[in-house]
C-alpha atoms as a PDB file:
ATOM      1  CA  UNK A   1     144.603  45.899 103.312  1.00  0.00           C
ATOM      2  CA  UNK A   2     147.286  43.532 104.527  1.00  0.00           C
ATOM      3  CA  UNK A   3     150.869  44.077 105.304  1.00  0.00           C
ATOM      4  CA  UNK A   4     153.801  41.548 105.423  1.00  0.00           C
ATOM      5  CA  UNK A   5     155.714  41.735 108.849  1.00  0.00           C
ATOM      6  CA  UNK A   6     159.541  40.836 109.154  1.00  0.00           C
ATOM      7  CA  UNK A   7     158.777  37.192 109.723  1.00  0.00           C
ATOM      8  CA  UNK A   8     156.915  37.085 106.373  1.00  0.00           C
ATOM      9  CA  UNK A   9     153.395  36.782 107.870  1.00  0.00           C
ATOM     10  CA  UNK A  10     150.584  38.563 106.341  1.00  0.00           C
ATOM     11  CA  UNK A  11     148.476  40.740 108.883  1.00  0.00           C
ATOM     12  CA  UNK A  12     145.224  42.406 108.425  1.00  0.00           C
ATOM     13  CA  UNK A  13     145.959  46.190 108.544  1.00  0.00           C
ATOM     14  CA  UNK A  14     143.125  48.468 107.311  1.00  0.00           C
ATOM     15  CA  UNK A  15     140.090  48.728 104.998  1.00  0.00           C
ATOM     16  CA  UNK A  16     139.093  51.605 102.675  1.00  0.00           C
ATOM     17  CA  UNK A  17     135.652  53.195 102.564  1.00  0.00           C
ATOM     18  CA  UNK A  18     132.781  51.335 100.912  1.00  0.00           C
ATOM     19  CA  UNK A  19     132.179  52.433  97.342  1.00  0.00           C
ATOM     20  CA  UNK A  20     128.592  53.155  95.896  1.00  0.00           C
ATOM     21  CA  UNK A  21     127.360  51.030  93.144  1.00  0.00           C
ATOM     22  CA  UNK A  22     127.747  52.576  89.864  1.00  0.00           C
ATOM     23  CA  UNK A  23     126.943  51.736  86.110  1.00  0.00           C
ATOM     24  CA  UNK A  24     129.729  54.057  84.865  1.00  0.00           C
ATOM     25  CA  UNK A  25     133.152  54.765  85.498  1.00  0.00           C
ATOM     26  CA  UNK A  26     134.102  56.030  88.950  1.00  0.00           C
ATOM     27  CA  UNK A  27     137.462  56.927  90.301  1.00  0.00           C
ATOM     28  CA  UNK A  28     138.271  55.906  93.775  1.00  0.00           C
ATOM     29  CA  UNK A  29     141.259  56.657  96.021  1.00  0.00           C
ATOM     30  CA  UNK A  30     142.134  55.906  99.594  1.00  0.00           C
ATOM     31  CA  UNK A  31     145.007  57.078 101.797  1.00  0.00           C
ATOM     32  CA  UNK A  32     146.322  54.619 104.290  1.00  0.00           C
ATOM     33  CA  UNK A  33     147.525  55.363 108.060  1.00  0.00           C
ATOM     34  CA  UNK A  34     151.247  55.050 108.211  1.00  0.00           C
ATOM     35  CA  UNK A  35     152.571  51.674 107.676  1.00  0.00           C
ATOM     36  CA  UNK A  36     153.237  49.689 111.052  1.00  0.00           C
ATOM     37  CA  UNK A  37     156.899  49.440 112.043  1.00  0.00           C
ATOM     38  CA  UNK A  38     158.688  46.589 110.420  1.00  0.00           C
ATOM     39  CA  UNK A  39     156.235  46.111 107.555  1.00  0.00           C
ATOM     40  CA  UNK A  40     158.109  44.856 104.202  1.00  0.00           C
ATOM     41  CA  UNK A  41     155.000  44.756 101.933  1.00  0.00           C
ATOM     42  CA  UNK A  42     151.299  45.673 101.378  1.00  0.00           C
ATOM     43  CA  UNK A  43     148.678  43.906  99.541  1.00  0.00           C
ATOM     44  CA  UNK A  44     144.961  45.140  98.813  1.00  0.00           C
ATOM     45  CA  UNK A  45     141.915  43.842  96.964  1.00  0.00           C
ATOM     46  CA  UNK A  46     138.339  44.735  96.296  1.00  0.00           C
ATOM     47  CA  UNK A  47     135.314  42.944  97.419  1.00  0.00           C
ATOM     48  CA  UNK A  48     131.680  42.790  96.265  1.00  0.00           C
ATOM     49  CA  UNK A  49     129.023  42.501  98.915  1.00  0.00           C
ATOM     50  CA  UNK A  50     126.280  41.181  96.496  1.00  0.00           C
ATOM     51  CA  UNK A  51     125.898  39.560  93.160  1.00  0.00           C
ATOM     52  CA  UNK A  52     127.704  41.573  90.463  1.00  0.00           C
ATOM     53  CA  UNK A  53     130.715  42.393  88.763  1.00  0.00           C
ATOM     54  CA  UNK A  54     133.783  44.733  89.050  1.00  0.00           C
ATOM     55  CA  UNK A  55     136.109  45.963  86.502  1.00  0.00           C
ATOM     56  CA  UNK A  56     139.203  47.761  87.657  1.00  0.00           C
ATOM     57  CA  UNK A  57     142.529  49.154  85.872  1.00  0.00           C
ATOM     58  CA  UNK A  58     145.266  51.716  86.250  1.00  0.00           C
ATOM     59  CA  UNK A  59     146.334  51.102  89.907  1.00  0.00           C
ATOM     60  CA  UNK A  60     148.792  53.538  91.358  1.00  0.00           C
ATOM     61  CA  UNK A  61     150.478  53.595  94.850  1.00  0.00           C
ATOM     62  CA  UNK A  62     152.723  56.397  95.982  1.00  0.00           C
ATOM     63  CA  UNK A  63     154.562  57.246  99.198  1.00  0.00           C
ATOM     64  CA  UNK A  64     152.914  60.119 100.777  1.00  0.00           C
ATOM     65  CA  UNK A  65     155.769  62.217 100.015  1.00  0.00           C
ATOM     66  CA  UNK A  66     155.885  63.318  96.511  1.00  0.00           C
ATOM     67  CA  UNK A  67     152.418  61.742  95.577  1.00  0.00           C
ATOM     68  CA  UNK A  68     150.334  63.547  92.930  1.00  0.00           C
ATOM     69  CA  UNK A  69     147.282  65.640  94.013  1.00  0.00           C
ATOM     70  CA  UNK A  70     143.956  63.527  94.150  1.00  0.00           C
ATOM     71  CA  UNK A  71     141.594  64.272  91.530  1.00  0.00           C
END
């Protein structure tokens, strides 16, 4: 994940856990550390470490206050 600082620079922030290979639907979630002071936006993406494909949908982001329970 990256965050944008007050000067509009994108800065590397953190990474989530590696996910296991799956042939069927797998739900994943990740809770980040607190945003750095002055962050104005965040960005995330997924990467593959070998040949293959990934299909994703239904993203959601929540502030930690009021987020629905995981699961």
